Protein backbone atom coordinates (compact mmCIF):
# COMPACT_ATOMS: atom_id res chain seq x y z
CA MET A 1 -29.56 -29.29 -9.86
CA ASN A 2 -29.66 -25.86 -11.46
CA ILE A 3 -26.08 -25.24 -9.98
CA PHE A 4 -24.76 -28.22 -11.67
CA CYS A 5 -26.33 -27.35 -14.86
CA SER A 6 -24.77 -23.89 -14.75
CA ILE A 7 -21.34 -25.37 -14.03
CA LYS A 8 -21.68 -27.69 -16.99
CA LYS A 9 -22.67 -24.92 -19.27
CA GLN A 10 -19.98 -22.48 -18.00
CA TYR A 11 -17.34 -25.41 -18.50
CA SER A 12 -17.92 -25.78 -22.25
CA ILE A 13 -18.85 -22.37 -23.63
CA ARG A 14 -16.32 -19.93 -25.24
CA GLY A 15 -14.67 -18.20 -22.43
CA GLY A 16 -15.59 -20.93 -20.09
CA TYR A 17 -13.82 -23.03 -17.59
CA LEU A 18 -12.31 -25.43 -20.09
CA GLU A 19 -10.86 -22.67 -22.26
CA PHE A 20 -9.38 -20.87 -19.37
CA LEU A 21 -7.78 -24.02 -17.84
CA LYS A 22 -6.06 -25.00 -21.24
CA VAL A 23 -4.34 -21.74 -21.18
CA ALA A 24 -3.88 -21.35 -17.42
CA PHE A 25 -3.04 -24.88 -16.25
CA PRO A 26 0.54 -24.91 -17.73
CA LEU A 27 1.17 -21.42 -16.35
CA ILE A 28 -0.21 -22.34 -12.97
CA ILE A 29 2.09 -25.44 -12.95
CA SER A 30 5.18 -23.47 -14.20
CA THR A 31 4.76 -20.61 -11.69
CA GLY A 32 3.72 -23.17 -9.00
CA VAL A 33 6.90 -25.12 -9.74
CA ASP A 34 8.78 -21.89 -9.46
CA ALA A 35 7.27 -21.17 -6.14
CA VAL A 36 8.14 -24.68 -4.97
CA GLN A 37 11.68 -24.05 -6.08
CA LEU A 38 11.83 -20.81 -4.10
CA PHE A 39 10.25 -22.55 -1.10
CA ILE A 40 12.86 -25.39 -1.18
CA ASN A 41 15.62 -22.78 -1.71
CA ARG A 42 14.48 -21.04 1.55
CA ILE A 43 14.20 -24.35 3.42
CA PHE A 44 17.75 -25.28 2.42
CA LEU A 45 18.91 -21.85 3.71
CA SER A 46 17.09 -22.34 6.94
CA TRP A 47 18.94 -25.65 7.27
CA TYR A 48 22.26 -23.93 6.52
CA SER A 49 22.12 -20.96 9.00
CA LYS A 50 19.70 -18.59 10.65
CA GLU A 51 21.69 -15.64 9.19
CA ALA A 52 21.36 -16.99 5.68
CA PHE A 53 17.61 -17.62 6.06
CA ALA A 54 16.97 -14.27 7.61
CA ALA A 55 18.98 -12.49 4.87
CA ALA A 56 17.24 -14.34 1.91
CA SER A 57 13.94 -12.77 1.93
CA PRO A 58 14.93 -9.06 2.37
CA ALA A 59 17.81 -9.33 -0.12
CA GLY A 60 15.84 -11.51 -2.55
CA MET A 61 12.88 -9.14 -2.28
CA ALA A 62 15.09 -6.07 -2.72
CA GLN A 63 16.67 -7.49 -5.86
CA TRP A 64 13.39 -8.65 -7.20
CA ALA A 65 11.86 -5.27 -6.55
CA ILE A 66 14.48 -3.76 -8.94
CA MET A 67 14.08 -6.55 -11.35
CA SER A 68 10.34 -6.20 -11.26
CA PHE A 69 10.28 -2.94 -13.06
CA PHE A 70 12.20 -4.32 -16.00
CA ILE A 71 10.42 -7.70 -16.09
CA GLY A 72 7.00 -6.05 -15.60
CA SER A 73 7.79 -3.80 -18.55
CA LEU A 74 9.29 -6.32 -20.99
CA ALA A 75 6.93 -9.16 -20.11
CA TYR A 76 4.10 -6.97 -21.28
CA VAL A 77 5.03 -8.07 -24.76
CA ASP A 78 2.63 -10.94 -23.90
CA ILE A 79 -0.24 -8.62 -24.44
CA PHE A 80 0.98 -7.28 -27.76
CA VAL A 81 1.38 -10.83 -28.92
CA ALA A 82 -2.01 -11.75 -27.63
CA GLN A 83 -3.74 -8.92 -29.42
CA TYR A 84 -1.69 -9.48 -32.68
CA TYR A 85 -2.65 -13.11 -32.55
CA GLY A 86 -6.33 -12.42 -32.00
CA LYS A 87 -6.26 -9.91 -34.96
CA LYS A 88 -4.45 -12.46 -37.02
CA GLU A 89 -1.54 -10.06 -37.65
CA TYR A 90 1.01 -12.88 -37.17
CA ARG A 91 3.93 -11.51 -38.92
CA SER A 92 4.15 -8.67 -36.33
CA ILE A 93 4.71 -11.21 -33.50
CA GLY A 94 8.31 -12.30 -34.01
CA PRO A 95 9.81 -8.72 -34.40
CA ALA A 96 7.86 -7.48 -31.36
CA VAL A 97 9.38 -10.21 -29.21
CA TRP A 98 12.94 -9.42 -30.29
CA GLN A 99 12.62 -5.73 -29.41
CA SER A 100 11.90 -6.86 -25.73
CA VAL A 101 15.13 -8.89 -25.87
CA TYR A 102 17.21 -5.85 -26.92
CA LEU A 103 15.52 -3.85 -24.04
CA SER A 104 16.39 -6.73 -21.66
CA PHE A 105 20.05 -6.26 -22.31
CA ILE A 106 19.87 -2.47 -21.56
CA SER A 107 17.92 -3.39 -18.34
CA ALA A 108 20.57 -5.80 -17.16
CA ILE A 109 23.40 -3.16 -17.44
CA ILE A 110 21.29 -0.68 -15.28
CA ILE A 111 20.83 -3.44 -12.68
CA LEU A 112 24.43 -4.45 -12.70
CA VAL A 113 25.41 -0.68 -12.04
CA LEU A 114 22.98 -0.57 -9.17
CA SER A 115 24.37 -3.73 -7.49
CA PHE A 116 27.63 -1.82 -6.88
CA PHE A 117 25.82 0.20 -4.18
CA SER A 118 24.34 -2.83 -2.43
CA LYS A 119 26.87 -2.89 0.46
CA TYR A 120 26.01 0.72 1.40
CA PHE A 121 22.24 -0.05 1.35
CA PHE A 122 22.14 -3.16 3.38
CA MET A 123 24.76 -2.06 5.98
CA ASN A 124 22.62 0.97 6.80
CA LEU A 125 19.27 -0.84 7.29
CA GLY A 126 19.75 -1.45 10.93
CA HIS A 127 19.87 -5.36 10.47
CA PRO A 128 22.42 -7.38 12.49
CA TYR A 129 25.84 -7.21 10.80
CA SER A 130 25.99 -10.96 10.25
CA VAL A 131 22.64 -10.84 8.37
CA ALA A 132 23.58 -7.73 6.46
CA ILE A 133 26.77 -9.39 5.00
CA GLU A 134 24.62 -12.32 3.83
CA GLU A 135 22.22 -9.91 2.24
CA VAL A 136 24.92 -8.16 0.24
CA ASN A 137 26.28 -11.58 -0.95
CA PHE A 138 22.81 -12.75 -2.02
CA PHE A 139 21.80 -9.47 -3.58
CA LYS A 140 24.90 -8.90 -5.68
CA THR A 141 25.08 -12.51 -6.96
CA LEU A 142 21.48 -12.42 -8.14
CA CYS A 143 22.18 -9.19 -9.98
CA TYR A 144 24.91 -10.82 -12.10
CA GLY A 145 22.15 -13.05 -13.61
CA ALA A 146 19.83 -10.15 -14.54
CA PHE A 147 20.06 -10.42 -18.31
CA PRO A 148 19.03 -14.19 -18.62
CA THR A 149 16.30 -13.65 -16.04
CA ILE A 150 14.78 -10.67 -17.74
CA ALA A 151 15.21 -12.06 -21.41
CA VAL A 152 13.52 -15.37 -20.37
CA ALA A 153 10.53 -13.31 -19.17
CA ALA A 154 10.40 -11.47 -22.44
CA LEU A 155 10.91 -14.40 -24.74
CA SER A 156 8.30 -16.57 -22.94
CA GLY A 157 5.83 -14.01 -24.39
CA PHE A 158 6.12 -15.54 -27.75
CA TYR A 159 4.35 -18.61 -26.53
CA THR A 160 2.09 -17.31 -23.68
CA GLY A 161 0.66 -14.50 -25.81
CA ARG A 162 -0.51 -17.06 -28.31
CA GLY A 163 -1.90 -19.41 -25.64
CA LYS A 164 0.85 -22.02 -26.24
CA THR A 165 1.70 -22.27 -22.55
CA LYS A 166 2.88 -25.92 -22.55
CA VAL A 167 6.14 -24.90 -23.99
CA VAL A 168 6.62 -22.35 -21.23
CA LEU A 169 5.80 -25.10 -18.72
CA PHE A 170 8.46 -27.39 -20.17
CA VAL A 171 11.09 -24.59 -19.99
CA TRP A 172 10.20 -23.63 -16.45
CA VAL A 173 10.16 -27.21 -15.11
CA TYR A 174 13.52 -28.01 -16.73
CA GLY A 175 15.01 -24.82 -15.18
CA VAL A 176 13.51 -25.35 -11.81
CA ILE A 177 14.87 -28.94 -11.53
CA ILE A 178 18.36 -27.71 -12.45
CA ASN A 179 18.00 -24.89 -9.93
CA ILE A 180 16.87 -27.22 -7.08
CA ILE A 181 19.85 -29.70 -7.83
CA LEU A 182 22.41 -26.84 -7.94
CA ASP A 183 20.96 -25.31 -4.76
CA PHE A 184 21.65 -28.61 -2.85
CA CYS A 185 25.12 -28.90 -4.32
CA LEU A 186 26.19 -25.22 -4.01
CA ILE A 187 24.77 -24.26 -0.67
CA PHE A 188 26.06 -27.26 1.33
CA GLY A 189 29.09 -28.17 -0.92
CA HIS A 190 27.81 -31.71 -1.77
CA PHE A 191 29.04 -33.95 -4.68
CA GLY A 192 32.42 -32.32 -4.83
CA PHE A 193 31.14 -28.72 -5.12
CA HIS A 194 32.52 -25.90 -2.96
CA GLU A 195 30.30 -24.94 -0.03
CA MET A 196 28.98 -21.42 -0.92
CA GLY A 197 26.03 -20.90 1.40
CA ILE A 198 23.76 -18.03 0.33
CA LYS A 199 25.99 -17.24 -2.66
CA GLY A 200 25.47 -20.74 -3.90
CA ALA A 201 21.64 -20.20 -3.83
CA ALA A 202 21.98 -17.16 -6.01
CA LEU A 203 24.41 -18.78 -8.42
CA ALA A 204 22.13 -21.73 -8.87
CA ASN A 205 19.34 -19.42 -9.92
CA ASN A 206 21.58 -17.64 -12.43
CA ILE A 207 22.74 -20.88 -14.03
CA ALA A 208 19.22 -22.12 -14.33
CA SER A 209 18.12 -18.86 -16.07
CA VAL A 210 20.98 -19.11 -18.57
CA ILE A 211 19.89 -22.63 -19.59
CA MET A 212 16.31 -21.48 -19.98
CA LEU A 213 17.38 -18.56 -22.15
CA VAL A 214 19.45 -20.82 -24.41
CA ILE A 215 16.39 -23.11 -24.90
CA TYR A 216 14.22 -20.13 -26.03
CA ILE A 217 16.98 -18.76 -28.30
CA PHE A 218 17.25 -22.00 -30.19
CA THR A 219 13.60 -22.78 -30.52
CA ILE A 220 11.91 -19.40 -31.36
CA PRO A 221 13.75 -18.72 -34.61
CA SER A 222 12.89 -22.12 -36.03
CA LYS A 223 12.00 -22.35 -39.71
CA LYS A 224 8.37 -22.99 -39.02
CA ASN A 225 8.03 -20.04 -36.58
CA SER A 226 10.08 -17.88 -38.97
CA ILE A 227 7.58 -18.58 -41.86
CA THR A 228 4.50 -17.94 -39.87
CA TYR A 229 5.55 -15.34 -37.26
CA ASN A 230 8.60 -13.70 -38.81
CA THR A 231 10.85 -14.75 -35.88
CA ARG A 232 14.03 -14.23 -37.84
CA GLN A 233 13.45 -10.58 -38.17
CA PHE A 234 16.06 -9.24 -35.65
CA MET A 235 16.23 -5.72 -36.73
CA PRO A 236 15.72 -3.12 -34.02
CA ASP A 237 12.42 -1.21 -34.56
CA LEU A 238 12.50 2.12 -32.79
CA ILE A 239 8.95 3.00 -33.82
CA PHE A 240 7.68 -0.23 -32.16
CA ILE A 241 9.86 0.26 -29.11
CA LYS A 242 8.51 3.70 -28.57
CA LYS A 243 4.85 2.38 -28.88
CA PHE A 244 5.65 -0.68 -26.65
CA LEU A 245 7.16 1.45 -23.91
CA LYS A 246 4.03 3.62 -23.69
CA TYR A 247 2.17 0.69 -22.21
CA ALA A 248 5.09 -1.35 -20.89
CA ILE A 249 6.70 1.27 -18.58
CA PRO A 250 3.43 1.91 -16.55
CA ASN A 251 3.10 -1.85 -16.14
CA GLY A 252 6.75 -2.04 -15.02
CA ILE A 253 6.18 0.83 -12.41
CA GLN A 254 3.14 -1.03 -11.21
CA PHE A 255 5.17 -4.20 -10.71
CA PHE A 256 7.98 -2.15 -9.12
CA PHE A 257 5.80 -0.58 -6.45
CA ASP A 258 3.95 -3.73 -5.86
CA MET A 259 7.22 -5.53 -5.03
CA THR A 260 8.92 -2.48 -3.48
CA GLY A 261 6.10 -1.80 -0.93
CA PHE A 262 6.33 -5.51 0.41
CA SER A 263 10.18 -5.41 0.17
CA ILE A 264 10.37 -2.21 2.14
CA PHE A 265 7.90 -3.80 4.64
CA MET A 266 10.20 -6.83 5.05
CA LEU A 267 13.36 -4.61 5.45
CA ILE A 268 11.70 -2.44 8.11
CA ILE A 269 10.39 -5.45 10.02
CA GLY A 270 13.95 -6.54 10.37
CA ARG A 271 14.56 -3.59 12.57
CA ILE A 272 12.14 -5.01 15.30
CA GLY A 273 14.33 -8.08 15.87
CA ILE A 274 15.52 -11.36 14.28
CA GLU A 275 12.65 -13.43 15.63
CA GLU A 276 10.08 -11.01 14.10
CA LEU A 277 12.06 -11.07 10.87
CA THR A 278 12.20 -14.87 10.99
CA ALA A 279 8.46 -15.24 11.54
CA SER A 280 7.69 -12.78 8.76
CA ASN A 281 10.08 -14.56 6.42
CA ILE A 282 8.22 -17.81 7.19
CA VAL A 283 4.80 -16.27 6.51
CA ALA A 284 6.16 -14.53 3.37
CA ASN A 285 7.49 -17.69 1.93
CA ILE A 286 4.18 -19.51 2.63
CA ASN A 287 2.34 -16.57 1.00
CA ASN A 288 4.68 -16.97 -2.01
CA LEU A 289 3.83 -20.58 -2.34
CA ILE A 290 0.09 -19.74 -2.30
CA THR A 291 0.23 -16.63 -4.57
CA VAL A 292 2.73 -17.52 -7.32
CA PRO A 293 0.32 -19.97 -8.97
CA LEU A 294 -2.23 -17.21 -8.89
CA ILE A 295 0.14 -15.13 -10.96
CA GLY A 296 -0.17 -17.78 -13.61
CA CYS A 297 -4.02 -17.39 -13.54
CA GLY A 298 -3.54 -13.61 -13.78
CA LEU A 299 -1.29 -13.92 -16.73
CA ALA A 300 -3.72 -16.36 -18.40
CA THR A 301 -6.61 -13.86 -17.81
CA SER A 302 -4.68 -11.08 -19.33
CA ILE A 303 -3.81 -13.23 -22.29
CA ILE A 304 -7.34 -14.51 -22.92
CA VAL A 305 -8.80 -11.05 -22.50
CA GLY A 306 -6.14 -9.46 -24.89
CA ASN A 307 -6.87 -12.13 -27.42
CA TYR A 308 -10.55 -11.60 -27.48
CA LEU A 309 -10.25 -7.89 -27.56
CA GLY A 310 -7.95 -8.34 -30.65
CA LYS A 311 -10.85 -10.32 -32.16
CA ASN A 312 -13.30 -7.56 -31.04
CA LYS A 313 -15.20 -9.92 -28.79
CA ALA A 314 -15.35 -8.03 -25.50
CA SER A 315 -18.44 -9.88 -24.41
CA ILE A 316 -16.71 -13.17 -24.62
CA ALA A 317 -13.76 -11.78 -22.63
CA GLN A 318 -16.27 -10.85 -19.83
CA ILE A 319 -17.44 -14.46 -19.82
CA SER A 320 -13.81 -15.43 -19.31
CA VAL A 321 -13.57 -13.18 -16.27
CA LYS A 322 -16.68 -14.88 -14.73
CA SER A 323 -14.97 -18.16 -15.28
CA VAL A 324 -11.66 -17.38 -13.70
CA SER A 325 -13.54 -15.70 -10.73
CA HIS A 326 -15.41 -18.97 -9.96
CA ILE A 327 -12.29 -21.10 -10.10
CA LEU A 328 -10.21 -18.82 -7.91
CA TYR A 329 -12.95 -18.33 -5.35
CA VAL A 330 -13.00 -22.13 -4.79
CA TYR A 331 -9.19 -22.01 -4.42
CA ALA A 332 -9.54 -19.25 -1.85
CA LEU A 333 -11.67 -21.45 0.38
CA PHE A 334 -8.93 -24.23 0.36
CA VAL A 335 -6.32 -21.66 1.13
CA VAL A 336 -8.16 -20.12 4.04
CA PHE A 337 -9.03 -23.47 5.54
CA THR A 338 -5.29 -24.53 5.39
CA LEU A 339 -3.91 -21.25 6.89
CA ILE A 340 -6.38 -21.32 9.76
CA PHE A 341 -6.49 -24.99 10.67
CA LEU A 342 -3.15 -26.27 9.52
CA PRO A 343 -0.60 -23.47 10.53
CA ASN A 344 1.81 -25.91 12.36
CA GLN A 345 2.03 -28.15 9.21
CA LEU A 346 2.89 -25.20 7.06
CA ILE A 347 5.66 -23.95 9.44
CA TYR A 348 7.18 -27.34 10.10
CA PRO A 349 9.54 -27.56 7.02
CA PHE A 350 11.42 -24.43 8.36
CA SER A 351 12.49 -26.36 11.46
CA GLY A 352 15.93 -27.08 10.17
CA THR A 353 18.76 -28.84 11.98
CA ARG A 354 20.84 -25.60 12.18
CA MET A 355 18.06 -23.18 13.12
CA SER A 356 15.52 -23.10 15.94
CA ILE A 357 12.22 -21.33 15.30
CA GLU A 358 10.49 -22.19 18.54
CA GLN A 359 10.54 -18.53 19.65
CA ALA A 360 9.14 -17.31 16.23
CA LYS A 361 6.70 -20.03 15.76
CA PRO A 362 3.71 -18.73 17.86
CA MET A 363 4.22 -15.28 16.17
CA ALA A 364 4.12 -17.00 12.72
CA VAL A 365 0.90 -18.77 13.58
CA ASN A 366 -0.79 -15.61 14.42
CA LEU A 367 0.45 -13.89 11.26
CA LEU A 368 -0.96 -16.78 9.16
CA ARG A 369 -4.37 -16.00 10.43
CA ILE A 370 -3.98 -12.48 9.15
CA LEU A 371 -2.67 -13.88 5.89
CA ALA A 372 -5.81 -16.04 5.47
CA ILE A 373 -7.87 -12.80 5.26
CA TYR A 374 -5.16 -11.17 2.98
CA GLU A 375 -5.44 -14.05 0.46
CA ILE A 376 -9.14 -13.54 -0.11
CA PHE A 377 -8.70 -9.99 -1.21
CA ASP A 378 -5.47 -10.60 -3.09
CA ILE A 379 -7.34 -12.99 -5.27
CA ILE A 380 -9.88 -10.35 -6.10
CA ASN A 381 -7.00 -7.98 -6.78
CA ILE A 382 -5.35 -10.42 -9.13
CA ILE A 383 -8.49 -11.20 -11.18
CA TYR A 384 -9.44 -7.65 -11.89
CA SER A 385 -6.13 -5.96 -12.30
CA SER A 386 -5.26 -8.74 -14.86
CA VAL A 387 -8.43 -7.96 -16.91
CA ILE A 388 -7.62 -4.28 -17.26
CA LYS A 389 -3.99 -4.89 -17.95
CA GLY A 390 -4.91 -7.40 -20.70
CA ALA A 391 -6.87 -4.52 -22.37
CA GLY A 392 -3.99 -2.04 -22.02
CA ASP A 393 -5.13 0.09 -19.06
CA THR A 394 -1.73 -0.02 -17.47
CA VAL A 395 -1.63 3.64 -16.39
CA PHE A 396 -4.66 3.12 -14.09
CA VAL A 397 -2.97 0.11 -12.43
CA MET A 398 0.27 1.98 -12.11
CA LYS A 399 -1.42 5.06 -10.53
CA ILE A 400 -3.25 2.85 -7.95
CA LEU A 401 -0.37 0.61 -6.94
CA THR A 402 2.11 3.52 -6.76
CA GLY A 403 -0.15 5.68 -4.57
CA PHE A 404 -1.29 2.77 -2.30
CA SER A 405 2.21 1.44 -1.89
CA ILE A 406 3.43 4.85 -0.71
CA PHE A 407 0.51 5.79 1.57
CA PHE A 408 -0.47 2.29 2.87
CA ILE A 409 2.95 0.48 3.05
CA ILE A 410 6.08 2.56 2.91
CA ILE A 411 5.17 5.69 5.05
CA PRO A 412 2.93 3.75 7.56
CA MET A 413 5.53 1.00 8.09
CA TYR A 414 8.13 3.57 8.91
CA LEU A 415 5.76 5.26 11.47
CA ILE A 416 4.47 1.94 12.93
CA VAL A 417 7.90 0.30 13.33
CA VAL A 418 10.53 2.98 13.60
CA VAL A 419 8.80 5.93 15.08
CA PHE A 420 5.93 4.67 17.28
CA LYS A 421 7.34 1.13 17.76
CA LEU A 422 3.81 -0.56 17.52
CA GLY A 423 5.20 -3.91 16.78
CA ILE A 424 4.81 -6.64 14.13
CA TYR A 425 1.12 -7.36 14.34
CA VAL A 426 0.01 -3.64 13.65
CA ALA A 427 2.33 -3.66 10.71
CA TRP A 428 0.69 -6.79 9.20
CA TRP A 429 -2.81 -5.43 9.74
CA PHE A 430 -1.76 -2.48 7.58
CA ILE A 431 -0.54 -4.90 4.89
CA LEU A 432 -4.05 -6.36 5.04
CA LEU A 433 -5.66 -2.87 4.71
CA TYR A 434 -3.48 -2.26 1.71
CA VAL A 435 -4.59 -5.31 -0.24
CA ILE A 436 -8.31 -4.70 0.67
CA THR A 437 -8.17 -1.12 -0.83
CA LEU A 438 -6.47 -2.47 -3.91
CA ALA A 439 -9.11 -5.25 -4.46
CA PHE A 440 -11.91 -2.68 -4.34
CA SER A 441 -10.18 -0.23 -6.59
CA PHE A 442 -9.57 -2.80 -9.38
CA TYR A 443 -13.07 -4.21 -9.05
CA PHE A 444 -14.77 -0.88 -9.49
CA ARG A 445 -12.43 -0.07 -12.47
CA TYR A 446 -13.43 -3.23 -14.08
CA ARG A 447 -17.13 -2.57 -13.45
CA SER A 448 -16.83 0.74 -15.30
CA ASN A 449 -16.40 -1.25 -18.54
CA LYS A 450 -13.71 1.18 -19.84
CA TRP A 451 -11.46 -1.75 -20.55
CA LYS A 452 -13.71 -3.13 -23.21
CA LYS A 453 -12.83 -0.15 -25.57
CA MET A 454 -9.08 -0.30 -25.03
CA ARG A 455 -6.44 -1.87 -27.23
CA VAL A 456 -2.59 -1.81 -27.37
CA ILE A 457 -2.53 -2.34 -31.19
CA ASP A 458 -3.96 -0.20 -34.03
CA MET A 459 -7.55 -1.48 -34.97
CA GLU A 460 -11.16 -0.36 -35.27
CA ILE A 461 -12.85 -1.18 -31.94
CA VAL A 462 -16.30 -2.78 -32.08
CA ASP A 463 -17.85 -5.73 -30.25
CA ASN A 464 -18.81 -8.65 -32.44
């Protein structure tokens, strides 16, 4: 009875379950819908050819690893908006968001230049030639859509930072529906479209990003937003950009190494063999389906923490952390049960008409059991890293993820797979060790309470 009373109390208080879910639920749905879109994309490619499916994850992860630095940096405008909003310094919000858009354009130019070296990179990874060709096509086409993709991540901060996440949900759902429809048309050549295979999958993603960008550009500078949030102040602000980059770049580096570590892992796994790569791709895509909604929870946690710190209410921010922990631990139980007891059902959608996964299937089932343990610690990692990022402790997160990615993934994977040839299972157990060490590092940083005295904006720090 006491448990139900505690749940009821935690539901309604400030920083409780209800408040968190109001902010998080649209973000969970939007990132979850994005995960579903990516999952369907990979299923379509598995139906198209084994080479296209095998190439999609390594090339997609490599491109996303590069993009992650810029997206991780510029999407940090969410925290500035959240703290400005908490402090009621509303007129600073619009100009801050536009600075991130200008930086998006510069970022896209850098990514486009890097795409010119993709053929040399993928052709020297040791993957089968037929797979490497598809990797180059997928990577380069995705890079052409860098600007709208990064700018959408930056502009969404205008809404997410203020907790107005329903707008972001609408834009994401609209973009994902378009993406899925175009995937079906452009990959297979249906409804009069030219059959483009893996290039079509990348092009569909780019077109959807452009449409989402157009929606934001027309809605953010509205008259109402302009009056309250100064959203028609488009002038570049070098002073703010310098301050913004102080916090944003460490966050971008953290995103980069987080993605790069796993991307390098997938690329090295491809050297073992196509069946091992196929099994890992299946598990990686299932992991993405499970984890991406958690990213929405992490973003919501950072925003709520940032907002309460902007109001000088660190104690209520801590109540919010307790609420999100309870919710995600329940989610973890569901995930672990599904991975352990329903692996065949999770793998079944990848059994397409043009690709046989029978040889890779037993391997994938075993890897899903490792993934079950992985998810428990990854949830702890997401909760506490989100809290300290919401306060502005991005340098610590950067140092931890950079160091651990190098010494628990990049170097060990090369030694395990290339030098000692210990096989796929040892490689995946090291990935598990990596996420466990991350979880403990962020948890102890949170327990130090240093985050309570941090801000990204100028203000007197007290706890009301």
